[in-house]
Every structure is written in C-alpha cells, then in structure tokens.
PDB file of all heavy atoms in Angstrom:
ATOM      1  N   GLY A   1      11.454 -22.135   3.125  1.00  0.00           N
ATOM      2  CA  GLY A   1      10.040 -22.490   2.991  1.00  0.00           C
ATOM      3  C   GLY A   1       9.403 -21.961   1.721  1.00  0.00           C
ATOM      4  O   GLY A   1       9.996 -21.181   0.973  1.00  0.00           O
ATOM      5  N   ALA A   2       8.160 -22.397   1.480  1.00  0.00           N
ATOM      6  CA  ALA A   2       7.417 -22.020   0.275  1.00  0.00           C
ATOM      7  C   ALA A   2       6.419 -20.914   0.594  1.00  0.00           C
ATOM      8  O   ALA A   2       6.094 -20.661   1.757  1.00  0.00           O
ATOM      9  CB  ALA A   2       6.692 -23.241  -0.270  1.00  0.00           C
ATOM     10  N   LEU A   3       5.911 -20.256  -0.443  1.00  0.00           N
ATOM     11  CA  LEU A   3       4.897 -19.213  -0.286  1.00  0.00           C
ATOM     12  C   LEU A   3       3.795 -19.446  -1.318  1.00  0.00           C
ATOM     13  O   LEU A   3       4.084 -19.637  -2.504  1.00  0.00           O
ATOM     14  CB  LEU A   3       5.512 -17.829  -0.503  1.00  0.00           C
ATOM     15  CG  LEU A   3       4.590 -16.615  -0.303  1.00  0.00           C
ATOM     16  CD1 LEU A   3       4.177 -16.473   1.160  1.00  0.00           C
ATOM     17  CD2 LEU A   3       5.283 -15.320  -0.751  1.00  0.00           C
ATOM     18  N   ALA A   4       2.538 -19.436  -0.875  1.00  0.00           N
ATOM     19  CA  ALA A   4       1.417 -19.636  -1.800  1.00  0.00           C
ATOM     20  C   ALA A   4       0.306 -18.648  -1.476  1.00  0.00           C
ATOM     21  O   ALA A   4       0.011 -18.390  -0.308  1.00  0.00           O
ATOM     22  CB  ALA A   4       0.889 -21.065  -1.681  1.00  0.00           C
ATOM     23  N   ASP A   5      -0.304 -18.099  -2.530  1.00  0.00           N
ATOM     24  CA  ASP A   5      -1.446 -17.195  -2.371  1.00  0.00           C
ATOM     25  C   ASP A   5      -2.584 -17.735  -3.233  1.00  0.00           C
ATOM     26  O   ASP A   5      -2.503 -17.717  -4.458  1.00  0.00           O
ATOM     27  CB  ASP A   5      -1.065 -15.782  -2.812  1.00  0.00           C
ATOM     28  CG  ASP A   5      -2.188 -14.766  -2.584  1.00  0.00           C
ATOM     29  OD1 ASP A   5      -3.337 -15.190  -2.340  1.00  0.00           O
ATOM     30  OD2 ASP A   5      -1.925 -13.547  -2.669  1.00  0.00           O
ATOM     31  N   PRO A   6      -3.670 -18.224  -2.592  1.00  0.00           N
ATOM     32  CA  PRO A   6      -4.768 -18.823  -3.358  1.00  0.00           C
ATOM     33  C   PRO A   6      -5.666 -17.803  -4.047  1.00  0.00           C
ATOM     34  O   PRO A   6      -6.517 -18.179  -4.850  1.00  0.00           O
ATOM     35  CB  PRO A   6      -5.553 -19.587  -2.290  1.00  0.00           C
ATOM     36  CG  PRO A   6      -5.234 -18.900  -1.003  1.00  0.00           C
ATOM     37  CD  PRO A   6      -3.861 -18.347  -1.132  1.00  0.00           C
ATOM     38  N   MET A   7      -5.505 -16.505  -3.726  1.00  0.00           N
ATOM     39  CA  MET A   7      -6.304 -15.444  -4.371  1.00  0.00           C
ATOM     40  C   MET A   7      -5.363 -14.290  -4.668  1.00  0.00           C
ATOM     41  O   MET A   7      -5.456 -13.228  -4.067  1.00  0.00           O
ATOM     42  CB  MET A   7      -7.402 -14.959  -3.424  1.00  0.00           C
ATOM     43  CG  MET A   7      -8.436 -15.998  -3.090  1.00  0.00           C
ATOM     44  SD  MET A   7      -9.580 -15.360  -1.843  1.00  0.00           S
ATOM     45  CE  MET A   7      -9.392 -16.603  -0.593  1.00  0.00           C
ATOM     46  N   CYS A   8      -4.432 -14.507  -5.594  1.00  0.00           N
ATOM     47  CA  CYS A   8      -3.271 -13.615  -5.680  1.00  0.00           C
ATOM     48  C   CYS A   8      -3.522 -12.300  -6.397  1.00  0.00           C
ATOM     49  O   CYS A   8      -2.663 -11.425  -6.383  1.00  0.00           O
ATOM     50  CB  CYS A   8      -2.092 -14.353  -6.296  1.00  0.00           C
ATOM     51  SG  CYS A   8      -2.257 -14.658  -8.059  1.00  0.00           S
ATOM     52  N   GLY A   9      -4.680 -12.126  -7.040  1.00  0.00           N
ATOM     53  CA  GLY A   9      -4.932 -10.858  -7.734  1.00  0.00           C
ATOM     54  C   GLY A   9      -3.831 -10.575  -8.737  1.00  0.00           C
ATOM     55  O   GLY A   9      -3.523 -11.405  -9.592  1.00  0.00           O
ATOM     56  N   VAL A  10      -3.173  -9.407  -8.597  1.00  0.00           N
ATOM     57  CA  VAL A  10      -2.087  -9.086  -9.527  1.00  0.00           C
ATOM     58  C   VAL A  10      -0.710  -9.387  -8.941  1.00  0.00           C
ATOM     59  O   VAL A  10       0.304  -8.906  -9.430  1.00  0.00           O
ATOM     60  CB  VAL A  10      -2.164  -7.606  -9.997  1.00  0.00           C
ATOM     61  CG1 VAL A  10      -3.389  -7.394 -10.875  1.00  0.00           C
ATOM     62  CG2 VAL A  10      -2.152  -6.645  -8.823  1.00  0.00           C
ATOM     63  N   GLY A  11      -0.683 -10.195  -7.861  1.00  0.00           N
ATOM     64  CA  GLY A  11       0.580 -10.773  -7.398  1.00  0.00           C
ATOM     65  C   GLY A  11       1.384  -9.988  -6.370  1.00  0.00           C
ATOM     66  O   GLY A  11       2.561 -10.285  -6.161  1.00  0.00           O
ATOM     67  N   THR A  12       0.754  -9.016  -5.704  1.00  0.00           N
ATOM     68  CA  THR A  12       1.532  -8.142  -4.803  1.00  0.00           C
ATOM     69  C   THR A  12       2.211  -8.909  -3.669  1.00  0.00           C
ATOM     70  O   THR A  12       3.399  -8.712  -3.404  1.00  0.00           O
ATOM     71  CB  THR A  12       0.629  -7.030  -4.235  1.00  0.00           C
ATOM     72  OG1 THR A  12      -0.059  -6.401  -5.319  1.00  0.00           O
ATOM     73  CG2 THR A  12       1.445  -5.973  -3.510  1.00  0.00           C
ATOM     74  N   PHE A  13       1.483  -9.784  -2.969  1.00  0.00           N
ATOM     75  CA  PHE A  13       2.087 -10.561  -1.876  1.00  0.00           C
ATOM     76  C   PHE A  13       3.278 -11.381  -2.382  1.00  0.00           C
ATOM     77  O   PHE A  13       4.312 -11.474  -1.735  1.00  0.00           O
ATOM     78  CB  PHE A  13       1.069 -11.537  -1.269  1.00  0.00           C
ATOM     79  CG  PHE A  13       0.205 -10.950  -0.180  1.00  0.00           C
ATOM     80  CD1 PHE A  13      -1.150 -11.250  -0.125  1.00  0.00           C
ATOM     81  CD2 PHE A  13       0.741 -10.134   0.811  1.00  0.00           C
ATOM     82  CE1 PHE A  13      -1.961 -10.732   0.885  1.00  0.00           C
ATOM     83  CE2 PHE A  13      -0.051  -9.618   1.825  1.00  0.00           C
ATOM     84  CZ  PHE A  13      -1.408  -9.916   1.861  1.00  0.00           C
ATOM     85  N   LEU A  14       3.098 -12.005  -3.541  1.00  0.00           N
ATOM     86  CA  LEU A  14       4.122 -12.893  -4.089  1.00  0.00           C
ATOM     87  C   LEU A  14       5.392 -12.118  -4.433  1.00  0.00           C
ATOM     88  O   LEU A  14       6.505 -12.560  -4.138  1.00  0.00           O
ATOM     89  CB  LEU A  14       3.591 -13.607  -5.334  1.00  0.00           C
ATOM     90  CG  LEU A  14       2.273 -14.373  -5.141  1.00  0.00           C
ATOM     91  CD1 LEU A  14       1.733 -14.835  -6.479  1.00  0.00           C
ATOM     92  CD2 LEU A  14       2.470 -15.556  -4.197  1.00  0.00           C
ATOM     93  N   ILE A  15       5.202 -10.956  -5.056  1.00  0.00           N
ATOM     94  CA  ILE A  15       6.356 -10.144  -5.465  1.00  0.00           C
ATOM     95  C   ILE A  15       7.099  -9.605  -4.245  1.00  0.00           C
ATOM     96  O   ILE A  15       8.327  -9.682  -4.152  1.00  0.00           O
ATOM     97  CB  ILE A  15       5.915  -9.002  -6.409  1.00  0.00           C
ATOM     98  CG1 ILE A  15       5.397  -9.595  -7.731  1.00  0.00           C
ATOM     99  CG2 ILE A  15       7.067  -8.035  -6.670  1.00  0.00           C
ATOM    100  CD1 ILE A  15       4.692  -8.602  -8.642  1.00  0.00           C
ATOM    101  N   GLU A  16       6.338  -9.062  -3.272  1.00  0.00           N
ATOM    102  CA  GLU A  16       6.974  -8.551  -2.054  1.00  0.00           C
ATOM    103  C   GLU A  16       7.693  -9.679  -1.314  1.00  0.00           C
ATOM    104  O   GLU A  16       8.802  -9.501  -0.799  1.00  0.00           O
ATOM    105  CB  GLU A  16       5.937  -7.892  -1.139  1.00  0.00           C
ATOM    106  CG  GLU A  16       5.340  -6.599  -1.694  1.00  0.00           C
ATOM    107  CD  GLU A  16       6.362  -5.479  -1.849  1.00  0.00           C
ATOM    108  OE1 GLU A  16       7.200  -5.296  -0.936  1.00  0.00           O
ATOM    109  OE2 GLU A  16       6.341  -4.784  -2.882  1.00  0.00           O
ATOM    110  N   GLY A  17       7.055 -10.861  -1.269  1.00  0.00           N
ATOM    111  CA  GLY A  17       7.661 -12.009  -0.588  1.00  0.00           C
ATOM    112  C   GLY A  17       8.933 -12.471  -1.272  1.00  0.00           C
ATOM    113  O   GLY A  17       9.934 -12.788  -0.611  1.00  0.00           O
ATOM    114  N   ALA A  18       8.917 -12.508  -2.595  1.00  0.00           N
ATOM    115  CA  ALA A  18      10.103 -12.941  -3.347  1.00  0.00           C
ATOM    116  C   ALA A  18      11.240 -11.935  -3.185  1.00  0.00           C
ATOM    117  O   ALA A  18      12.412 -12.322  -3.061  1.00  0.00           O
ATOM    118  CB  ALA A  18       9.757 -13.110  -4.824  1.00  0.00           C
ATOM    119  N   MET A  19      10.919 -10.630  -3.174  1.00  0.00           N
ATOM    120  CA  MET A  19      11.964  -9.615  -2.989  1.00  0.00           C
ATOM    121  C   MET A  19      12.634  -9.766  -1.628  1.00  0.00           C
ATOM    122  O   MET A  19      13.846  -9.615  -1.500  1.00  0.00           O
ATOM    123  CB  MET A  19      11.391  -8.209  -3.169  1.00  0.00           C
ATOM    124  CG  MET A  19      11.103  -7.865  -4.616  1.00  0.00           C
ATOM    125  SD  MET A  19      10.970  -6.099  -4.958  1.00  0.00           S
ATOM    126  CE  MET A  19       9.578  -5.626  -3.986  1.00  0.00           C
ATOM    127  N   MET A  20      11.838 -10.068  -0.592  1.00  0.00           N
ATOM    128  CA  MET A  20      12.423 -10.291   0.736  1.00  0.00           C
ATOM    129  C   MET A  20      13.356 -11.511   0.709  1.00  0.00           C
ATOM    130  O   MET A  20      14.482 -11.458   1.203  1.00  0.00           O
ATOM    131  CB  MET A  20      11.314 -10.551   1.770  1.00  0.00           C
ATOM    132  CG  MET A  20      10.519  -9.342   2.150  1.00  0.00           C
ATOM    133  SD  MET A  20       9.209  -9.839   3.319  1.00  0.00           S
ATOM    134  CE  MET A  20       8.187  -8.368   3.285  1.00  0.00           C
ATOM    135  N   ALA A  21      12.868 -12.596   0.121  1.00  0.00           N
ATOM    136  CA  ALA A  21      13.629 -13.854   0.119  1.00  0.00           C
ATOM    137  C   ALA A  21      14.915 -13.736  -0.696  1.00  0.00           C
ATOM    138  O   ALA A  21      15.933 -14.338  -0.357  1.00  0.00           O
ATOM    139  CB  ALA A  21      12.756 -14.979  -0.428  1.00  0.00           C
ATOM    140  N   ALA A  22      14.874 -12.943  -1.777  1.00  0.00           N
ATOM    141  CA  ALA A  22      16.037 -12.835  -2.671  1.00  0.00           C
ATOM    142  C   ALA A  22      16.937 -11.650  -2.319  1.00  0.00           C
ATOM    143  O   ALA A  22      17.901 -11.372  -3.037  1.00  0.00           O
ATOM    144  CB  ALA A  22      15.563 -12.714  -4.124  1.00  0.00           C
ATOM    145  N   ASP A  23      16.612 -10.940  -1.208  1.00  0.00           N
ATOM    146  CA  ASP A  23      17.424  -9.805  -0.763  1.00  0.00           C
ATOM    147  C   ASP A  23      17.475  -8.687  -1.812  1.00  0.00           C
ATOM    148  O   ASP A  23      18.520  -8.096  -2.070  1.00  0.00           O
ATOM    149  CB  ASP A  23      18.843 -10.277  -0.417  1.00  0.00           C
ATOM    150  CG  ASP A  23      19.616  -9.249   0.424  1.00  0.00           C
ATOM    151  OD1 ASP A  23      18.968  -8.461   1.141  1.00  0.00           O
ATOM    152  OD2 ASP A  23      20.858  -9.233   0.357  1.00  0.00           O
ATOM    153  N   VAL A  24      16.320  -8.427  -2.438  1.00  0.00           N
ATOM    154  CA  VAL A  24      16.219  -7.354  -3.429  1.00  0.00           C
ATOM    155  C   VAL A  24      15.652  -6.109  -2.741  1.00  0.00           C
ATOM    156  O   VAL A  24      14.589  -6.171  -2.113  1.00  0.00           O
ATOM    157  CB  VAL A  24      15.284  -7.761  -4.596  1.00  0.00           C
ATOM    158  CG1 VAL A  24      15.086  -6.594  -5.559  1.00  0.00           C
ATOM    159  CG2 VAL A  24      15.849  -8.980  -5.325  1.00  0.00           C
ATOM    160  N   ALA A  25      16.359  -4.991  -2.834  1.00  0.00           N
ATOM    161  CA  ALA A  25      15.864  -3.734  -2.253  1.00  0.00           C
ATOM    162  C   ALA A  25      14.551  -3.368  -2.934  1.00  0.00           C
ATOM    163  O   ALA A  25      14.465  -3.388  -4.165  1.00  0.00           O
ATOM    164  CB  ALA A  25      16.885  -2.620  -2.443  1.00  0.00           C
ATOM    165  N   PRO A  26      13.502  -3.019  -2.157  1.00  0.00           N
ATOM    166  CA  PRO A  26      12.186  -2.805  -2.757  1.00  0.00           C
ATOM    167  C   PRO A  26      12.135  -1.659  -3.764  1.00  0.00           C
ATOM    168  O   PRO A  26      11.342  -1.677  -4.690  1.00  0.00           O
ATOM    169  CB  PRO A  26      11.284  -2.510  -1.551  1.00  0.00           C
ATOM    170  CG  PRO A  26      12.213  -2.124  -0.448  1.00  0.00           C
ATOM    171  CD  PRO A  26      13.482  -2.865  -0.696  1.00  0.00           C
ATOM    172  N   ASN A  27      13.022  -0.670  -3.597  1.00  0.00           N
ATOM    173  CA  ASN A  27      12.975   0.471  -4.512  1.00  0.00           C
ATOM    174  C   ASN A  27      14.190   0.552  -5.432  1.00  0.00           C
ATOM    175  O   ASN A  27      14.540   1.624  -5.922  1.00  0.00           O
ATOM    176  CB  ASN A  27      12.794   1.764  -3.711  1.00  0.00           C
ATOM    177  CG  ASN A  27      11.352   1.903  -3.234  1.00  0.00           C
ATOM    178  OD1 ASN A  27      10.431   1.959  -4.036  1.00  0.00           O
ATOM    179  ND2 ASN A  27      11.160   1.894  -1.924  1.00  0.00           N
ATOM    180  N   LEU A  28      14.784  -0.602  -5.681  1.00  0.00           N
ATOM    181  CA  LEU A  28      15.977  -0.664  -6.524  1.00  0.00           C
ATOM    182  C   LEU A  28      15.712  -0.181  -7.949  1.00  0.00           C
ATOM    183  O   LEU A  28      16.591   0.363  -8.610  1.00  0.00           O
ATOM    184  CB  LEU A  28      16.493  -2.111  -6.548  1.00  0.00           C
ATOM    185  CG  LEU A  28      17.831  -2.377  -7.222  1.00  0.00           C
ATOM    186  CD1 LEU A  28      18.936  -1.519  -6.630  1.00  0.00           C
ATOM    187  CD2 LEU A  28      18.207  -3.854  -7.097  1.00  0.00           C
ATOM    188  N   ARG A  29      14.477  -0.355  -8.438  1.00  0.00           N
ATOM    189  CA  ARG A  29      14.183  -0.030  -9.839  1.00  0.00           C
ATOM    190  C   ARG A  29      13.694   1.400 -10.033  1.00  0.00           C
ATOM    191  O   ARG A  29      13.450   1.831 -11.161  1.00  0.00           O
ATOM    192  CB  ARG A  29      13.133  -1.011 -10.386  1.00  0.00           C
ATOM    193  CG  ARG A  29      13.739  -2.369 -10.613  1.00  0.00           C
ATOM    194  CD  ARG A  29      12.758  -3.460 -10.909  1.00  0.00           C
ATOM    195  NE  ARG A  29      13.524  -4.675 -11.223  1.00  0.00           N
ATOM    196  CZ  ARG A  29      13.756  -5.110 -12.451  1.00  0.00           C
ATOM    197  NH1 ARG A  29      13.280  -4.471 -13.485  1.00  0.00           N
ATOM    198  NH2 ARG A  29      14.467  -6.201 -12.650  1.00  0.00           N
ATOM    199  N   ARG A  30      13.539   2.133  -8.950  1.00  0.00           N
ATOM    200  CA  ARG A  30      13.052   3.519  -9.058  1.00  0.00           C
ATOM    201  C   ARG A  30      14.139   4.396  -9.688  1.00  0.00           C
ATOM    202  O   ARG A  30      15.296   4.334  -9.306  1.00  0.00           O
ATOM    203  CB  ARG A  30      12.706   4.028  -7.659  1.00  0.00           C
ATOM    204  CG  ARG A  30      12.245   5.463  -7.629  1.00  0.00           C
ATOM    205  CD  ARG A  30      11.897   5.903  -6.225  1.00  0.00           C
ATOM    206  NE  ARG A  30      10.674   5.266  -5.770  1.00  0.00           N
ATOM    207  CZ  ARG A  30       9.678   5.918  -5.176  1.00  0.00           C
ATOM    208  NH1 ARG A  30       9.754   7.215  -4.972  1.00  0.00           N
ATOM    209  NH2 ARG A  30       8.600   5.285  -4.786  1.00  0.00           N
ATOM    210  N   GLU A  31      13.730   5.221 -10.646  1.00  0.00           N
ATOM    211  CA  GLU A  31      14.723   6.030 -11.361  1.00  0.00           C
ATOM    212  C   GLU A  31      14.798   7.467 -10.846  1.00  0.00           C
ATOM    213  O   GLU A  31      15.832   8.110 -10.948  1.00  0.00           O
ATOM    214  CB  GLU A  31      14.405   6.032 -12.863  1.00  0.00           C
ATOM    215  CG  GLU A  31      14.735   4.683 -13.491  1.00  0.00           C
ATOM    216  CD  GLU A  31      14.285   4.582 -14.934  1.00  0.00           C
ATOM    217  OE1 GLU A  31      13.807   5.592 -15.484  1.00  0.00           O
ATOM    218  OE2 GLU A  31      14.403   3.483 -15.501  1.00  0.00           O
ATOM    219  N   ARG A  32      13.693   7.960 -10.313  1.00  0.00           N
ATOM    220  CA  ARG A  32      13.722   9.345  -9.845  1.00  0.00           C
ATOM    221  C   ARG A  32      13.335   9.413  -8.370  1.00  0.00           C
ATOM    222  O   ARG A  32      12.400   8.755  -7.929  1.00  0.00           O
ATOM    223  CB  ARG A  32      12.767  10.210 -10.685  1.00  0.00           C
ATOM    224  CG  ARG A  32      12.904  11.685 -10.326  1.00  0.00           C
ATOM    225  CD  ARG A  32      12.201  12.622 -11.272  1.00  0.00           C
ATOM    226  NE  ARG A  32      12.277  13.981 -10.756  1.00  0.00           N
ATOM    227  CZ  ARG A  32      13.287  14.802 -10.950  1.00  0.00           C
ATOM    228  NH1 ARG A  32      14.314  14.403 -11.667  1.00  0.00           N
ATOM    229  NH2 ARG A  32      13.289  16.025 -10.440  1.00  0.00           N
ATOM    230  N   TRP A  33      14.067  10.232  -7.631  1.00  0.00           N
ATOM    231  CA  TRP A  33      13.864  10.369  -6.196  1.00  0.00           C
ATOM    232  C   TRP A  33      13.606  11.822  -5.826  1.00  0.00           C
ATOM    233  O   TRP A  33      13.876  12.722  -6.615  1.00  0.00           O
ATOM    234  CB  TRP A  33      15.121   9.885  -5.461  1.00  0.00           C
ATOM    235  CG  TRP A  33      15.372   8.434  -5.654  1.00  0.00           C
ATOM    236  CD1 TRP A  33      16.040   7.845  -6.688  1.00  0.00           C
ATOM    237  CD2 TRP A  33      14.915   7.370  -4.813  1.00  0.00           C
ATOM    238  NE1 TRP A  33      16.037   6.481  -6.527  1.00  0.00           N
ATOM    239  CE2 TRP A  33      15.365   6.167  -5.387  1.00  0.00           C
ATOM    240  CE3 TRP A  33      14.188   7.333  -3.618  1.00  0.00           C
ATOM    241  CZ2 TRP A  33      15.096   4.927  -4.816  1.00  0.00           C
ATOM    242  CZ3 TRP A  33      13.934   6.099  -3.045  1.00  0.00           C
ATOM    243  CH2 TRP A  33      14.381   4.916  -3.642  1.00  0.00           C
ATOM    244  N   GLY A  34      13.153  12.041  -4.613  1.00  0.00           N
ATOM    245  CA  GLY A  34      12.938  13.410  -4.131  1.00  0.00           C
ATOM    246  C   GLY A  34      14.242  14.175  -3.999  1.00  0.00           C
ATOM    247  O   GLY A  34      14.252  15.405  -4.008  1.00  0.00           O
ATOM    248  N   PHE A  35      15.363  13.442  -3.874  1.00  0.00           N
ATOM    249  CA  PHE A  35      16.656  14.118  -3.731  1.00  0.00           C
ATOM    250  C   PHE A  35      17.401  14.266  -5.055  1.00  0.00           C
ATOM    251  O   PHE A  35      18.486  14.845  -5.100  1.00  0.00           O
ATOM    252  CB  PHE A  35      17.542  13.375  -2.716  1.00  0.00           C
ATOM    253  CG  PHE A  35      17.740  11.916  -3.017  1.00  0.00           C
ATOM    254  CD1 PHE A  35      18.574  11.508  -4.048  1.00  0.00           C
ATOM    255  CD2 PHE A  35      17.087  10.941  -2.276  1.00  0.00           C
ATOM    256  CE1 PHE A  35      18.757  10.156  -4.328  1.00  0.00           C
ATOM    257  CE2 PHE A  35      17.261   9.585  -2.545  1.00  0.00           C
ATOM    258  CZ  PHE A  35      18.102   9.197  -3.574  1.00  0.00           C
ATOM    259  N   SER A  36      16.830  13.750  -6.155  1.00  0.00           N
ATOM    260  CA  SER A  36      17.547  13.751  -7.439  1.00  0.00           C
ATOM    261  C   SER A  36      17.970  15.158  -7.868  1.00  0.00           C
ATOM    262  O   SER A  36      19.058  15.348  -8.411  1.00  0.00           O
ATOM    263  CB  SER A  36      16.695  13.114  -8.538  1.00  0.00           C
ATOM    264  OG  SER A  36      16.395  11.762  -8.212  1.00  0.00           O
ATOM    265  N   GLY A  37      17.110  16.167  -7.629  1.00  0.00           N
ATOM    266  CA  GLY A  37      17.440  17.531  -8.042  1.00  0.00           C
ATOM    267  C   GLY A  37      17.777  18.449  -6.879  1.00  0.00           C
ATOM    268  O   GLY A  37      17.902  19.665  -7.045  1.00  0.00           O
ATOM    269  N   TRP A  38      17.954  17.872  -5.694  1.00  0.00           N
ATOM    270  CA  TRP A  38      18.260  18.657  -4.483  1.00  0.00           C
ATOM    271  C   TRP A  38      19.742  19.033  -4.468  1.00  0.00           C
ATOM    272  O   TRP A  38      20.598  18.192  -4.741  1.00  0.00           O
ATOM    273  CB  TRP A  38      17.890  17.790  -3.269  1.00  0.00           C
ATOM    274  CG  TRP A  38      18.306  18.308  -1.926  1.00  0.00           C
ATOM    275  CD1 TRP A  38      18.193  19.581  -1.471  1.00  0.00           C
ATOM    276  CD2 TRP A  38      18.899  17.547  -0.856  1.00  0.00           C
ATOM    277  NE1 TRP A  38      18.666  19.666  -0.184  1.00  0.00           N
ATOM    278  CE2 TRP A  38      19.111  18.439   0.221  1.00  0.00           C
ATOM    279  CE3 TRP A  38      19.263  16.210  -0.702  1.00  0.00           C
ATOM    280  CZ2 TRP A  38      19.671  18.036   1.434  1.00  0.00           C
ATOM    281  CZ3 TRP A  38      19.818  15.798   0.496  1.00  0.00           C
ATOM    282  CH2 TRP A  38      20.010  16.702   1.550  1.00  0.00           C
ATOM    283  N   LEU A  39      20.067  20.275  -4.148  1.00  0.00           N
ATOM    284  CA  LEU A  39      21.459  20.718  -4.162  1.00  0.00           C
ATOM    285  C   LEU A  39      22.292  20.075  -3.051  1.00  0.00           C
ATOM    286  O   LEU A  39      23.515  20.052  -3.121  1.00  0.00           O
ATOM    287  CB  LEU A  39      21.528  22.254  -4.054  1.00  0.00           C
ATOM    288  CG  LEU A  39      20.919  23.042  -5.227  1.00  0.00           C
ATOM    289  CD1 LEU A  39      21.114  24.537  -5.036  1.00  0.00           C
ATOM    290  CD2 LEU A  39      21.514  22.599  -6.564  1.00  0.00           C
ATOM    291  N   GLY A  40      21.641  19.553  -2.025  1.00  0.00           N
ATOM    292  CA  GLY A  40      22.369  18.887  -0.943  1.00  0.00           C
ATOM    293  C   GLY A  40      22.666  17.422  -1.222  1.00  0.00           C
ATOM    294  O   GLY A  40      23.288  16.739  -0.400  1.00  0.00           O
ATOM    295  N   HIS A  41      22.206  16.919  -2.362  1.00  0.00           N
ATOM    296  CA  HIS A  41      22.393  15.511  -2.726  1.00  0.00           C
ATOM    297  C   HIS A  41      23.881  15.169  -2.835  1.00  0.00           C
ATOM    298  O   HIS A  41      24.672  15.961  -3.354  1.00  0.00           O
ATOM    299  CB  HIS A  41      21.687  15.270  -4.067  1.00  0.00           C
ATOM    300  CG  HIS A  41      21.846  13.893  -4.621  1.00  0.00           C
ATOM    301  ND1 HIS A  41      21.862  12.766  -3.832  1.00  0.00           N
ATOM    302  CD2 HIS A  41      22.008  13.458  -5.912  1.00  0.00           C
ATOM    303  CE1 HIS A  41      22.013  11.689  -4.599  1.00  0.00           C
ATOM    304  NE2 HIS A  41      22.104  12.086  -5.854  1.00  0.00           N
ATOM    305  N   VAL A  42      24.269  13.991  -2.326  1.00  0.00           N
ATOM    306  CA  VAL A  42      25.674  13.556  -2.384  1.00  0.00           C
ATOM    307  C   VAL A  42      25.750  12.314  -3.285  1.00  0.00           C
ATOM    308  O   VAL A  42      25.630  11.176  -2.817  1.00  0.00           O
ATOM    309  CB  VAL A  42      26.209  13.215  -0.964  1.00  0.00           C
ATOM    310  CG1 VAL A  42      27.722  12.986  -1.009  1.00  0.00           C
ATOM    311  CG2 VAL A  42      25.854  14.304   0.030  1.00  0.00           C
ATOM    312  N   PRO A  43      25.938  12.513  -4.597  1.00  0.00           N
ATOM    313  CA  PRO A  43      25.880  11.402  -5.553  1.00  0.00           C
ATOM    314  C   PRO A  43      26.834  10.250  -5.233  1.00  0.00           C
ATOM    315  O   PRO A  43      26.500   9.083  -5.449  1.00  0.00           O
ATOM    316  CB  PRO A  43      26.237  12.060  -6.893  1.00  0.00           C
ATOM    317  CG  PRO A  43      25.856  13.490  -6.717  1.00  0.00           C
ATOM    318  CD  PRO A  43      26.142  13.806  -5.286  1.00  0.00           C
ATOM    319  N   ALA A  44      28.018  10.546  -4.720  1.00  0.00           N
ATOM    320  CA  ALA A  44      29.009   9.484  -4.460  1.00  0.00           C
ATOM    321  C   ALA A  44      28.474   8.480  -3.428  1.00  0.00           C
ATOM    322  O   ALA A  44      28.636   7.265  -3.587  1.00  0.00           O
ATOM    323  CB  ALA A  44      30.319  10.099  -3.975  1.00  0.00           C
ATOM    324  N   VAL A  45      27.832   8.991  -2.375  1.00  0.00           N
ATOM    325  CA  VAL A  45      27.279   8.116  -1.330  1.00  0.00           C
ATOM    326  C   VAL A  45      26.133   7.287  -1.903  1.00  0.00           C
ATOM    327  O   VAL A  45      26.038   6.078  -1.692  1.00  0.00           O
ATOM    328  CB  VAL A  45      26.783   8.956  -0.126  1.00  0.00           C
ATOM    329  CG1 VAL A  45      26.083   8.066   0.904  1.00  0.00           C
ATOM    330  CG2 VAL A  45      27.946   9.698   0.524  1.00  0.00           C
ATOM    331  N   TRP A  46      25.261   7.965  -2.667  1.00  0.00           N
ATOM    332  CA  TRP A  46      24.106   7.282  -3.251  1.00  0.00           C
ATOM    333  C   TRP A  46      24.539   6.178  -4.207  1.00  0.00           C
ATOM    334  O   TRP A  46      24.023   5.059  -4.178  1.00  0.00           O
ATOM    335  CB  TRP A  46      23.203   8.298  -3.958  1.00  0.00           C
ATOM    336  CG  TRP A  46      22.084   7.664  -4.729  1.00  0.00           C
ATOM    337  CD1 TRP A  46      21.888   7.681  -6.067  1.00  0.00           C
ATOM    338  CD2 TRP A  46      21.002   6.889  -4.181  1.00  0.00           C
ATOM    339  NE1 TRP A  46      20.754   6.970  -6.407  1.00  0.00           N
ATOM    340  CE2 TRP A  46      20.193   6.480  -5.272  1.00  0.00           C
ATOM    341  CE3 TRP A  46      20.638   6.498  -2.899  1.00  0.00           C
ATOM    342  CZ2 TRP A  46      19.052   5.699  -5.105  1.00  0.00           C
ATOM    343  CZ3 TRP A  46      19.501   5.717  -2.729  1.00  0.00           C
ATOM    344  CH2 TRP A  46      18.708   5.335  -3.824  1.00  0.00           C
TER     345      TRP A  46
END
C-alpha cells in the first residue's frame, strides 16, 4: 500500500513509515551508544 501525509512538516511520519516498509533498523545510523565505552560490552555480538 501507499502512505501519504497532507501536513508532513519535516517528514517524521514518512521517514518512520518508509523505514518500517524497507526493513531498516531505526537506529542503524547511530554511531555512539551507552555501551560503547562499557567494559562489559561484547563487540563480536554487536
């Protein structure tokens, strides 16, 4: 199906909707996490 927003502002609904439809993880582009400097972090799993 299609998605339309008649008052889209800066496009939040559209972007979130497209990420769901395209199977894109919402935080895929984040570079730093709360566990990035944690000593218990397991880089291989991440």
